Amino acid sequence: MTPKDNDAEGRHDNMMFDTLVSCAQLAERLDDPDWRIFDCRFDLADTGRGEQAYAQAHLPGAFYAHLDRDLSSPITPQSGRHPLPAVQPLCRWIGAHGVQPETQVVVYDDTGGTMAVRLWWLLRWLGHTRVAVLDGGWQAWTAAQLATDGAPPRRVPASEFRCTPDWRQVVRTADIRQQLEQGGGLLLLDARTRERFRGDAEPIDPVAGHIPGAINVPLQQNLAADGTFHHPATLHRLYSTALDGRAPGDVAAMCGSGVTACHNLLAMQIAGLPGGRLYAGSWSEWIRDPAHPVATGD
């Protein structure tokens, strides 16, 4: 959360949310016309499951955001599994849902925020920082017995969403290659599970292992047993140890395809360690070129 002054008409409360929002906080604002909710539930193994679950029940007023269709570009022979979406189509899609500069966006899923963080990061990349992940997601909302809806959301007036992508937040494969060949300041922070990082198991991509020099901070370490994010102090200890004196701006967060890596970037933001960048292509793009080195083990 970040304090923000009231506007001239007094229509907004004095707080904006730029990392997490609780179920109680969101429940109080379900009828606020300046809030937009996006359901980001998605299953990499069953790409229709999230949308089907959304059709059955979702948070009142929530729109559905499909990872492949809305939040990624088509895969190319050179890309990873979830290329960044083209800027203008993404901006039109966001504007079609009525998002304006003063709009508070809330995103959620049912997997601890692992999919919702994609839209959280994309909006911030485009210059819209008034966006937060619902802490605990769908499970926390339903456990609190809060309202759900199976009907399509009400239509909202479209807006012109003006976006200014900050490409400094994006690390490319060429940057990683140069880092390995010539040295550099990047710290690759891999969010995949320990088994995938080590190369002991690889259920998704055709090559197992990790980029030489990367360190592993599995995103599961960001979450408490109930699926909510750890306290900022706990996350600060975790990432301060991982950075080992490096600046947050030196971090290039990665994962399998550039989606769940954003979970670590959100955790760093919560921890008060902002500035990390995203290796958008991540492991699935790195292994497109068989000449790229691969490491296994620790």
Foldseek 3Di string as FASTA:
>chain_A
DAFADADPVNLDDGDFDQAEDELVRVLVCVPRPLEAEEEQAADPVDGCVSVVVLLAKDAAQYHYARQAPQQADDDDLQFFPGHGDDPPSNQQVVQQQPHDLSHQYEYFYQQLCLQRLSVSVVCVQFPRRRYYYHFLGPVNNVVVVHDMDNDHHDGDDGDRRRTDGDCLQEDEPVNVVCCVVPNDLAAEEEQDDPCQQQQVDDPDAPGGHFAPRHDYDHLVLQADPSSGGDQLCSLLVVVCVVCVPPAQLRYAFAYRAFRSSSSNQSSCVNNVRHNHHYHRRHPRSQVSDVVHDGHHHD
